[in-house]
Amino acid sequence: MASKAGGVAVDFARIYKSLGLGKETIAALQAFRKRNTEAKRLASHYASQPTTVDLEHYRSVLKNKAVVDEAEKVLKEFKPVTYDVNSHLKAIETFETKAVEKAKETEQAVDRELKELRATLANIEEARPFDQLTVEDVGNAHPRIIEAVATMVSKGKWTVPGYKEKFGDLNVL
C-alpha cells in the first residue's frame, strides 16, 4: 500500500518527461492526482468543522422545548454507519498494480528502443561513405541481389536503365 508523503514537492512534469511515459499512463496519473487533491481538500474542510451541538443554546432560544428534546433523543440514538472499504482498497491496489506493470512495460520498451537506436547510431557512425562501397560489399550485405543479377543474366534479361534510349536496340532477331 502507498505510504504517506512527507512535505516534499514533486515535479511531475519532469518525471513524465524523463520516464517517457505514454499518454494513457500520464492521463491516469493526472486523474489520480486530481482525485487525491480533492479528497485532501474535503478532508481538511470537514476536519475543521465543529462536531458538537449545543442543545442548551437551542433550549434557551426556542419556545418549543419538545423539538429540542426530540432532536436530543435522535442525536443520542444516532449510530454512525460503518462502510466496508475493503472493496475500494482492493480497487486501489489493483489500479496500483496495473500502473506498476504498465510502468515496467514502458521502461522495458524504452530500454529496447534506446538499445536499437544506439545500435543504429553506431552503424551510421561506422559506415563507409557511399562512394567507397564496392559491388562485393553490397553483395555481401545483401546476397539475394547477387542471386537476382545472376538469374537475370542467365536468362538474358539483363538491361541497364536508359541504355536503349542512349544507344538503341542492338539485338538482332
N, C-alpha and C. Protein backbone atom coordinates (compact mmCIF):
# COMPACT_ATOMS: atom_id res chain seq x y z
N MET A 1 0.85 -1.17 0.00
CA MET A 1 0.00 0.00 0.00
C MET A 1 0.89 1.23 0.00
N ALA A 2 0.42 2.29 -0.59
CA ALA A 2 1.21 3.51 -0.69
C ALA A 2 1.39 4.15 0.68
N SER A 3 2.56 4.72 0.89
CA SER A 3 2.83 5.38 2.17
C SER A 3 2.53 6.86 2.05
N LYS A 4 2.40 7.53 3.20
CA LYS A 4 2.13 8.97 3.19
C LYS A 4 3.38 9.72 2.80
N ALA A 5 3.19 10.75 1.99
CA ALA A 5 4.33 11.55 1.54
C ALA A 5 4.60 12.63 2.57
N GLY A 6 5.89 12.85 2.87
CA GLY A 6 6.27 13.93 3.79
C GLY A 6 6.28 15.22 2.99
N GLY A 7 6.36 16.37 3.37
CA GLY A 7 6.18 17.62 2.64
C GLY A 7 7.13 17.84 1.47
N VAL A 8 7.35 16.87 0.63
CA VAL A 8 8.27 17.01 -0.50
C VAL A 8 7.49 17.41 -1.74
N ALA A 9 7.94 18.45 -2.41
CA ALA A 9 7.31 18.87 -3.65
C ALA A 9 7.87 18.03 -4.79
N VAL A 10 6.99 17.49 -5.62
CA VAL A 10 7.40 16.63 -6.72
C VAL A 10 7.09 17.35 -8.03
N ASP A 11 8.08 17.38 -8.91
CA ASP A 11 7.90 17.98 -10.23
C ASP A 11 7.42 16.89 -11.19
N PHE A 12 6.09 16.74 -11.29
CA PHE A 12 5.53 15.66 -12.09
C PHE A 12 5.82 15.84 -13.57
N ALA A 13 5.84 17.06 -14.06
CA ALA A 13 6.13 17.29 -15.48
C ALA A 13 7.51 16.73 -15.84
N ARG A 14 8.47 16.95 -14.96
CA ARG A 14 9.83 16.43 -15.20
C ARG A 14 9.84 14.91 -15.14
N ILE A 15 9.08 14.34 -14.23
CA ILE A 15 9.01 12.89 -14.11
C ILE A 15 8.40 12.28 -15.38
N TYR A 16 7.29 12.86 -15.84
CA TYR A 16 6.65 12.35 -17.05
C TYR A 16 7.62 12.39 -18.23
N LYS A 17 8.33 13.51 -18.34
CA LYS A 17 9.24 13.69 -19.46
C LYS A 17 10.45 12.76 -19.37
N SER A 18 11.03 12.64 -18.18
CA SER A 18 12.25 11.83 -18.03
C SER A 18 11.97 10.34 -18.16
N LEU A 19 10.80 9.89 -17.76
CA LEU A 19 10.47 8.47 -17.85
C LEU A 19 9.89 8.10 -19.20
N GLY A 20 9.49 9.10 -19.97
CA GLY A 20 8.92 8.82 -21.28
C GLY A 20 7.62 8.04 -21.19
N LEU A 21 6.77 8.41 -20.25
CA LEU A 21 5.52 7.69 -20.04
C LEU A 21 4.56 7.92 -21.21
N GLY A 22 3.72 6.94 -21.45
CA GLY A 22 2.72 7.04 -22.51
C GLY A 22 1.59 7.96 -22.11
N LYS A 23 0.81 8.38 -23.11
CA LYS A 23 -0.30 9.30 -22.86
C LYS A 23 -1.32 8.70 -21.90
N GLU A 24 -1.58 7.40 -22.05
CA GLU A 24 -2.57 6.73 -21.20
C GLU A 24 -2.11 6.73 -19.74
N THR A 25 -0.85 6.46 -19.53
CA THR A 25 -0.30 6.42 -18.17
C THR A 25 -0.31 7.82 -17.55
N ILE A 26 0.08 8.82 -18.33
CA ILE A 26 0.09 10.20 -17.83
C ILE A 26 -1.32 10.64 -17.47
N ALA A 27 -2.28 10.32 -18.34
CA ALA A 27 -3.67 10.71 -18.07
C ALA A 27 -4.18 10.03 -16.79
N ALA A 28 -3.86 8.77 -16.60
CA ALA A 28 -4.29 8.06 -15.39
C ALA A 28 -3.66 8.67 -14.14
N LEU A 29 -2.38 9.00 -14.23
CA LEU A 29 -1.70 9.62 -13.07
C LEU A 29 -2.28 11.00 -12.76
N GLN A 30 -2.56 11.78 -13.79
CA GLN A 30 -3.13 13.11 -13.56
C GLN A 30 -4.52 13.02 -12.95
N ALA A 31 -5.33 12.06 -13.41
CA ALA A 31 -6.67 11.88 -12.84
C ALA A 31 -6.56 11.46 -11.38
N PHE A 32 -5.62 10.57 -11.09
CA PHE A 32 -5.41 10.12 -9.71
C PHE A 32 -4.99 11.29 -8.83
N ARG A 33 -4.05 12.12 -9.31
CA ARG A 33 -3.59 13.28 -8.54
C ARG A 33 -4.74 14.25 -8.28
N LYS A 34 -5.61 14.44 -9.27
CA LYS A 34 -6.75 15.36 -9.11
C LYS A 34 -7.71 14.84 -8.04
N ARG A 35 -8.03 13.53 -8.09
CA ARG A 35 -8.92 12.95 -7.08
C ARG A 35 -8.29 13.03 -5.70
N ASN A 36 -7.00 12.80 -5.61
CA ASN A 36 -6.28 12.85 -4.34
C ASN A 36 -6.33 14.26 -3.76
N THR A 37 -6.06 15.26 -4.58
CA THR A 37 -6.09 16.65 -4.13
C THR A 37 -7.48 17.04 -3.63
N GLU A 38 -8.51 16.63 -4.37
CA GLU A 38 -9.89 16.95 -3.97
C GLU A 38 -10.24 16.26 -2.65
N ALA A 39 -9.83 15.02 -2.48
CA ALA A 39 -10.11 14.28 -1.24
C ALA A 39 -9.40 14.94 -0.05
N LYS A 40 -8.16 15.37 -0.26
CA LYS A 40 -7.44 16.05 0.83
C LYS A 40 -8.12 17.36 1.20
N ARG A 41 -8.58 18.10 0.19
CA ARG A 41 -9.26 19.37 0.44
C ARG A 41 -10.53 19.14 1.25
N LEU A 42 -11.34 18.15 0.85
CA LEU A 42 -12.58 17.87 1.58
C LEU A 42 -12.30 17.38 2.99
N ALA A 43 -11.29 16.55 3.16
CA ALA A 43 -10.95 16.04 4.49
C ALA A 43 -10.54 17.18 5.42
N SER A 44 -9.74 18.10 4.92
CA SER A 44 -9.32 19.22 5.78
C SER A 44 -10.51 20.15 6.08
N HIS A 45 -11.40 20.31 5.09
CA HIS A 45 -12.59 21.16 5.29
C HIS A 45 -13.48 20.57 6.38
N TYR A 46 -13.75 19.27 6.31
CA TYR A 46 -14.63 18.65 7.29
C TYR A 46 -13.96 18.49 8.65
N ALA A 47 -12.66 18.34 8.67
CA ALA A 47 -11.95 18.22 9.95
C ALA A 47 -12.01 19.54 10.73
N SER A 48 -12.13 20.66 10.02
CA SER A 48 -12.17 21.95 10.70
C SER A 48 -13.58 22.31 11.20
N GLN A 49 -14.58 21.53 10.83
CA GLN A 49 -15.96 21.79 11.26
C GLN A 49 -16.17 21.32 12.70
N PRO A 50 -16.97 22.05 13.47
CA PRO A 50 -17.25 21.59 14.85
C PRO A 50 -18.11 20.32 14.82
N THR A 51 -17.88 19.45 15.78
CA THR A 51 -18.59 18.17 15.80
C THR A 51 -19.61 18.06 16.94
N THR A 52 -19.75 19.09 17.73
CA THR A 52 -20.70 19.03 18.84
C THR A 52 -21.86 19.99 18.59
N VAL A 53 -23.01 19.66 19.18
CA VAL A 53 -24.20 20.50 19.06
C VAL A 53 -24.55 21.00 20.47
N ASP A 54 -24.69 22.33 20.62
CA ASP A 54 -25.01 22.93 21.92
C ASP A 54 -26.54 23.00 22.04
N LEU A 55 -27.12 21.96 22.63
CA LEU A 55 -28.58 21.89 22.74
C LEU A 55 -29.12 22.90 23.76
N GLU A 56 -28.35 23.24 24.76
CA GLU A 56 -28.80 24.23 25.75
C GLU A 56 -29.02 25.59 25.10
N HIS A 57 -28.21 25.91 24.12
CA HIS A 57 -28.38 27.17 23.40
C HIS A 57 -29.75 27.17 22.69
N TYR A 58 -30.09 26.03 22.05
CA TYR A 58 -31.37 25.95 21.34
C TYR A 58 -32.55 25.97 22.33
N ARG A 59 -32.37 25.36 23.50
CA ARG A 59 -33.44 25.39 24.52
C ARG A 59 -33.71 26.83 24.97
N SER A 60 -32.65 27.62 25.10
CA SER A 60 -32.83 29.00 25.56
C SER A 60 -33.41 29.89 24.46
N VAL A 61 -33.18 29.54 23.19
CA VAL A 61 -33.65 30.37 22.08
C VAL A 61 -35.06 29.99 21.64
N LEU A 62 -35.36 28.72 21.59
CA LEU A 62 -36.65 28.26 21.06
C LEU A 62 -37.71 28.18 22.18
N LYS A 63 -38.91 28.45 21.79
CA LYS A 63 -40.01 28.35 22.75
C LYS A 63 -40.49 26.91 22.86
N ASN A 64 -40.46 26.18 21.79
CA ASN A 64 -40.94 24.81 21.76
C ASN A 64 -39.81 23.88 22.21
N LYS A 65 -39.82 23.54 23.49
CA LYS A 65 -38.76 22.70 24.07
C LYS A 65 -38.88 21.25 23.59
N ALA A 66 -40.04 20.84 23.17
CA ALA A 66 -40.26 19.46 22.72
C ALA A 66 -39.43 19.17 21.47
N VAL A 67 -39.26 20.15 20.60
CA VAL A 67 -38.46 19.97 19.39
C VAL A 67 -37.01 19.72 19.77
N VAL A 68 -36.52 20.47 20.74
CA VAL A 68 -35.14 20.31 21.17
C VAL A 68 -34.97 18.95 21.85
N ASP A 69 -35.97 18.53 22.68
CA ASP A 69 -35.90 17.22 23.33
C ASP A 69 -35.88 16.10 22.28
N GLU A 70 -36.71 16.26 21.24
CA GLU A 70 -36.76 15.26 20.15
C GLU A 70 -35.41 15.21 19.41
N ALA A 71 -34.83 16.35 19.16
CA ALA A 71 -33.52 16.41 18.48
C ALA A 71 -32.45 15.76 19.35
N GLU A 72 -32.50 16.02 20.67
CA GLU A 72 -31.52 15.43 21.59
C GLU A 72 -31.67 13.90 21.61
N LYS A 73 -32.91 13.43 21.59
CA LYS A 73 -33.17 11.99 21.58
C LYS A 73 -32.61 11.36 20.30
N VAL A 74 -32.84 12.00 19.18
CA VAL A 74 -32.34 11.49 17.90
C VAL A 74 -30.81 11.47 17.89
N LEU A 75 -30.19 12.52 18.41
CA LEU A 75 -28.72 12.57 18.45
C LEU A 75 -28.14 11.49 19.35
N LYS A 76 -28.81 11.20 20.47
CA LYS A 76 -28.30 10.17 21.37
C LYS A 76 -28.44 8.78 20.75
N GLU A 77 -29.50 8.58 19.97
CA GLU A 77 -29.74 7.28 19.35
C GLU A 77 -28.93 7.10 18.06
N PHE A 78 -28.36 8.16 17.58
CA PHE A 78 -27.63 8.09 16.31
C PHE A 78 -26.38 7.22 16.43
N LYS A 79 -26.27 6.30 15.52
CA LYS A 79 -25.06 5.47 15.43
C LYS A 79 -24.51 5.66 14.02
N PRO A 80 -23.26 6.05 13.91
CA PRO A 80 -22.69 6.23 12.57
C PRO A 80 -22.62 4.90 11.82
N VAL A 81 -22.86 4.99 10.55
CA VAL A 81 -22.82 3.80 9.70
C VAL A 81 -21.38 3.52 9.34
N THR A 82 -21.01 2.27 9.45
CA THR A 82 -19.66 1.90 9.04
C THR A 82 -19.72 1.29 7.64
N TYR A 83 -18.76 1.64 6.85
CA TYR A 83 -18.70 1.14 5.48
C TYR A 83 -17.52 0.20 5.34
N ASP A 84 -17.73 -0.81 4.56
CA ASP A 84 -16.64 -1.73 4.26
C ASP A 84 -15.87 -1.14 3.08
N VAL A 85 -14.68 -0.66 3.37
CA VAL A 85 -13.87 -0.01 2.33
C VAL A 85 -12.88 -0.99 1.70
N ASN A 86 -12.99 -2.25 2.07
CA ASN A 86 -12.07 -3.24 1.51
C ASN A 86 -12.17 -3.32 -0.01
N SER A 87 -13.39 -3.21 -0.54
CA SER A 87 -13.54 -3.27 -1.99
C SER A 87 -12.85 -2.07 -2.65
N HIS A 88 -12.95 -0.91 -2.02
CA HIS A 88 -12.27 0.28 -2.56
C HIS A 88 -10.76 0.13 -2.46
N LEU A 89 -10.31 -0.39 -1.33
CA LEU A 89 -8.87 -0.60 -1.16
C LEU A 89 -8.35 -1.61 -2.17
N LYS A 90 -9.15 -2.65 -2.41
CA LYS A 90 -8.75 -3.66 -3.38
C LYS A 90 -8.67 -3.03 -4.78
N ALA A 91 -9.64 -2.17 -5.11
CA ALA A 91 -9.62 -1.50 -6.42
C ALA A 91 -8.39 -0.60 -6.54
N ILE A 92 -8.05 0.08 -5.47
CA ILE A 92 -6.86 0.95 -5.48
C ILE A 92 -5.61 0.10 -5.65
N GLU A 93 -5.54 -1.01 -4.94
CA GLU A 93 -4.38 -1.89 -5.07
C GLU A 93 -4.28 -2.46 -6.48
N THR A 94 -5.43 -2.81 -7.07
CA THR A 94 -5.44 -3.31 -8.44
C THR A 94 -4.94 -2.24 -9.39
N PHE A 95 -5.44 -1.02 -9.21
CA PHE A 95 -5.00 0.10 -10.05
C PHE A 95 -3.49 0.32 -9.89
N GLU A 96 -3.04 0.26 -8.65
CA GLU A 96 -1.61 0.46 -8.36
C GLU A 96 -0.78 -0.64 -9.04
N THR A 97 -1.26 -1.87 -8.96
CA THR A 97 -0.55 -2.99 -9.59
C THR A 97 -0.49 -2.81 -11.10
N LYS A 98 -1.63 -2.43 -11.69
CA LYS A 98 -1.65 -2.20 -13.14
C LYS A 98 -0.72 -1.06 -13.52
N ALA A 99 -0.72 0.00 -12.72
CA ALA A 99 0.15 1.14 -13.02
C ALA A 99 1.62 0.74 -12.95
N VAL A 100 1.96 -0.08 -11.96
CA VAL A 100 3.35 -0.53 -11.83
C VAL A 100 3.72 -1.43 -13.02
N GLU A 101 2.80 -2.33 -13.40
CA GLU A 101 3.07 -3.21 -14.55
C GLU A 101 3.24 -2.39 -15.82
N LYS A 102 2.36 -1.41 -16.01
CA LYS A 102 2.44 -0.56 -17.20
C LYS A 102 3.74 0.23 -17.21
N ALA A 103 4.14 0.70 -16.04
CA ALA A 103 5.40 1.45 -15.94
C ALA A 103 6.58 0.55 -16.27
N LYS A 104 6.55 -0.70 -15.81
CA LYS A 104 7.63 -1.64 -16.12
C LYS A 104 7.67 -1.95 -17.61
N GLU A 105 6.48 -2.15 -18.22
CA GLU A 105 6.42 -2.40 -19.65
C GLU A 105 6.97 -1.20 -20.43
N THR A 106 6.60 -0.01 -19.99
CA THR A 106 7.09 1.21 -20.63
C THR A 106 8.60 1.30 -20.50
N GLU A 107 9.10 0.98 -19.32
CA GLU A 107 10.55 1.03 -19.10
C GLU A 107 11.26 0.05 -20.01
N GLN A 108 10.73 -1.17 -20.13
CA GLN A 108 11.34 -2.16 -21.00
C GLN A 108 11.29 -1.73 -22.46
N ALA A 109 10.16 -1.16 -22.88
CA ALA A 109 10.03 -0.70 -24.26
C ALA A 109 11.02 0.43 -24.55
N VAL A 110 11.15 1.35 -23.60
CA VAL A 110 12.10 2.46 -23.78
C VAL A 110 13.53 1.94 -23.82
N ASP A 111 13.85 0.98 -22.95
CA ASP A 111 15.20 0.39 -22.96
C ASP A 111 15.50 -0.31 -24.27
N ARG A 112 14.51 -1.07 -24.80
CA ARG A 112 14.69 -1.75 -26.09
C ARG A 112 14.92 -0.73 -27.20
N GLU A 113 14.09 0.30 -27.21
CA GLU A 113 14.21 1.32 -28.26
C GLU A 113 15.54 2.04 -28.17
N LEU A 114 15.98 2.36 -26.95
CA LEU A 114 17.29 3.00 -26.79
C LEU A 114 18.42 2.11 -27.29
N LYS A 115 18.32 0.82 -27.00
CA LYS A 115 19.34 -0.12 -27.46
C LYS A 115 19.37 -0.16 -28.98
N GLU A 116 18.20 -0.23 -29.61
CA GLU A 116 18.13 -0.25 -31.07
C GLU A 116 18.66 1.05 -31.66
N LEU A 117 18.31 2.17 -31.05
CA LEU A 117 18.79 3.46 -31.55
C LEU A 117 20.30 3.59 -31.40
N ARG A 118 20.84 3.10 -30.30
CA ARG A 118 22.30 3.13 -30.12
C ARG A 118 23.00 2.27 -31.17
N ALA A 119 22.42 1.08 -31.45
CA ALA A 119 22.99 0.20 -32.48
C ALA A 119 22.92 0.87 -33.85
N THR A 120 21.80 1.50 -34.15
CA THR A 120 21.65 2.19 -35.43
C THR A 120 22.64 3.34 -35.54
N LEU A 121 22.79 4.09 -34.47
CA LEU A 121 23.74 5.21 -34.46
C LEU A 121 25.17 4.71 -34.65
N ALA A 122 25.50 3.60 -34.00
CA ALA A 122 26.84 3.02 -34.16
C ALA A 122 27.05 2.58 -35.61
N ASN A 123 26.02 1.98 -36.22
CA ASN A 123 26.13 1.57 -37.62
C ASN A 123 26.33 2.78 -38.54
N ILE A 124 25.63 3.84 -38.26
CA ILE A 124 25.75 5.05 -39.08
C ILE A 124 27.15 5.64 -38.93
N GLU A 125 27.63 5.70 -37.69
CA GLU A 125 28.95 6.28 -37.45
C GLU A 125 30.06 5.44 -38.06
N GLU A 126 29.90 4.11 -38.08
CA GLU A 126 30.94 3.22 -38.58
C GLU A 126 30.83 2.95 -40.08
N ALA A 127 29.75 3.36 -40.70
CA ALA A 127 29.52 3.06 -42.11
C ALA A 127 30.52 3.82 -42.99
N ARG A 128 30.92 3.14 -44.09
CA ARG A 128 31.81 3.79 -45.05
C ARG A 128 30.97 4.71 -45.94
N PRO A 129 31.58 5.74 -46.46
CA PRO A 129 30.85 6.60 -47.39
C PRO A 129 30.40 5.81 -48.62
N PHE A 130 29.32 6.22 -49.22
CA PHE A 130 28.72 5.51 -50.35
C PHE A 130 29.70 5.38 -51.52
N ASP A 131 30.48 6.42 -51.78
CA ASP A 131 31.39 6.38 -52.92
C ASP A 131 32.56 5.42 -52.71
N GLN A 132 32.74 4.91 -51.50
CA GLN A 132 33.81 3.94 -51.22
C GLN A 132 33.31 2.49 -51.23
N LEU A 133 32.02 2.29 -51.43
CA LEU A 133 31.47 0.93 -51.46
C LEU A 133 31.80 0.26 -52.78
N THR A 134 31.96 -1.07 -52.72
CA THR A 134 32.19 -1.84 -53.94
C THR A 134 31.00 -2.76 -54.16
N VAL A 135 30.94 -3.36 -55.36
CA VAL A 135 29.87 -4.30 -55.67
C VAL A 135 29.93 -5.49 -54.73
N GLU A 136 31.13 -5.91 -54.40
CA GLU A 136 31.30 -7.04 -53.48
C GLU A 136 30.74 -6.72 -52.09
N ASP A 137 30.95 -5.48 -51.62
CA ASP A 137 30.41 -5.08 -50.31
C ASP A 137 28.88 -5.14 -50.31
N VAL A 138 28.28 -4.63 -51.38
CA VAL A 138 26.82 -4.64 -51.49
C VAL A 138 26.33 -6.08 -51.57
N GLY A 139 27.04 -6.92 -52.35
CA GLY A 139 26.66 -8.33 -52.48
C GLY A 139 26.78 -9.07 -51.17
N ASN A 140 27.82 -8.77 -50.39
CA ASN A 140 27.99 -9.42 -49.09
C ASN A 140 26.90 -8.97 -48.11
N ALA A 141 26.50 -7.72 -48.22
CA ALA A 141 25.46 -7.21 -47.32
C ALA A 141 24.09 -7.79 -47.67
N HIS A 142 23.83 -7.97 -48.97
CA HIS A 142 22.53 -8.50 -49.43
C HIS A 142 22.78 -9.55 -50.50
N PRO A 143 23.00 -10.80 -50.11
CA PRO A 143 23.31 -11.85 -51.08
C PRO A 143 22.21 -12.08 -52.12
N ARG A 144 20.99 -11.77 -51.81
CA ARG A 144 19.93 -12.01 -52.79
C ARG A 144 20.05 -11.09 -53.99
N ILE A 145 20.75 -9.95 -53.85
CA ILE A 145 20.98 -9.07 -55.01
C ILE A 145 21.86 -9.80 -56.02
N ILE A 146 22.90 -10.47 -55.55
CA ILE A 146 23.80 -11.21 -56.45
C ILE A 146 23.03 -12.35 -57.11
N GLU A 147 22.17 -13.03 -56.36
CA GLU A 147 21.36 -14.11 -56.92
C GLU A 147 20.43 -13.57 -58.00
N ALA A 148 19.78 -12.45 -57.74
CA ALA A 148 18.85 -11.86 -58.71
C ALA A 148 19.59 -11.45 -59.97
N VAL A 149 20.77 -10.86 -59.83
CA VAL A 149 21.55 -10.43 -61.00
C VAL A 149 22.00 -11.66 -61.80
N ALA A 150 22.46 -12.70 -61.11
CA ALA A 150 22.89 -13.92 -61.81
C ALA A 150 21.74 -14.55 -62.57
N THR A 151 20.55 -14.57 -61.97
CA THR A 151 19.37 -15.13 -62.64
C THR A 151 19.01 -14.31 -63.87
N MET A 152 19.02 -13.01 -63.74
CA MET A 152 18.67 -12.13 -64.87
C MET A 152 19.68 -12.29 -66.02
N VAL A 153 20.96 -12.37 -65.71
CA VAL A 153 21.99 -12.52 -66.74
C VAL A 153 21.86 -13.87 -67.42
N SER A 154 21.60 -14.93 -66.63
CA SER A 154 21.47 -16.27 -67.22
C SER A 154 20.26 -16.36 -68.15
N LYS A 155 19.21 -15.61 -67.88
CA LYS A 155 18.01 -15.63 -68.72
C LYS A 155 18.10 -14.59 -69.83
N GLY A 156 19.17 -13.81 -69.84
CA GLY A 156 19.32 -12.79 -70.88
C GLY A 156 18.40 -11.60 -70.68
N LYS A 157 17.98 -11.39 -69.48
CA LYS A 157 17.07 -10.28 -69.21
C LYS A 157 17.80 -9.13 -68.52
N TRP A 158 19.08 -9.09 -68.71
CA TRP A 158 19.86 -8.04 -68.05
C TRP A 158 19.78 -6.78 -68.91
N THR A 159 19.18 -5.75 -68.37
CA THR A 159 19.11 -4.47 -69.08
C THR A 159 19.53 -3.37 -68.14
N VAL A 160 20.18 -2.39 -68.72
CA VAL A 160 20.58 -1.23 -67.95
C VAL A 160 19.58 -0.13 -68.24
N PRO A 161 18.98 0.45 -67.21
CA PRO A 161 18.00 1.51 -67.46
C PRO A 161 18.64 2.67 -68.24
N GLY A 162 17.96 3.10 -69.30
CA GLY A 162 18.43 4.22 -70.11
C GLY A 162 19.39 3.83 -71.23
N TYR A 163 19.80 2.55 -71.30
CA TYR A 163 20.77 2.12 -72.32
C TYR A 163 20.15 2.18 -73.71
N LYS A 164 18.93 1.63 -73.89
CA LYS A 164 18.30 1.61 -75.20
C LYS A 164 18.02 3.01 -75.70
N GLU A 165 17.66 3.94 -74.82
CA GLU A 165 17.39 5.30 -75.21
C GLU A 165 18.66 5.99 -75.73
N LYS A 166 19.80 5.65 -75.14
CA LYS A 166 21.05 6.31 -75.49
C LYS A 166 21.72 5.66 -76.69
N PHE A 167 21.74 4.30 -76.73
CA PHE A 167 22.48 3.59 -77.79
C PHE A 167 21.60 2.84 -78.76
N GLY A 168 20.34 2.74 -78.50
CA GLY A 168 19.45 2.00 -79.38
C GLY A 168 19.47 0.52 -79.09
N ASP A 169 18.58 -0.22 -79.75
CA ASP A 169 18.49 -1.67 -79.52
C ASP A 169 19.37 -2.37 -80.54
N LEU A 170 20.40 -3.07 -80.07
CA LEU A 170 21.35 -3.73 -80.97
C LEU A 170 21.05 -5.22 -81.11
N ASN A 171 19.96 -5.69 -80.56
CA ASN A 171 19.60 -7.10 -80.70
C ASN A 171 19.21 -7.41 -82.13
N VAL A 172 19.73 -8.51 -82.66
CA VAL A 172 19.36 -8.95 -83.99
C VAL A 172 18.42 -10.13 -83.82
N LEU A 173 17.27 -10.02 -84.46
CA LEU A 173 16.30 -11.11 -84.33
C LEU A 173 16.67 -12.24 -85.15
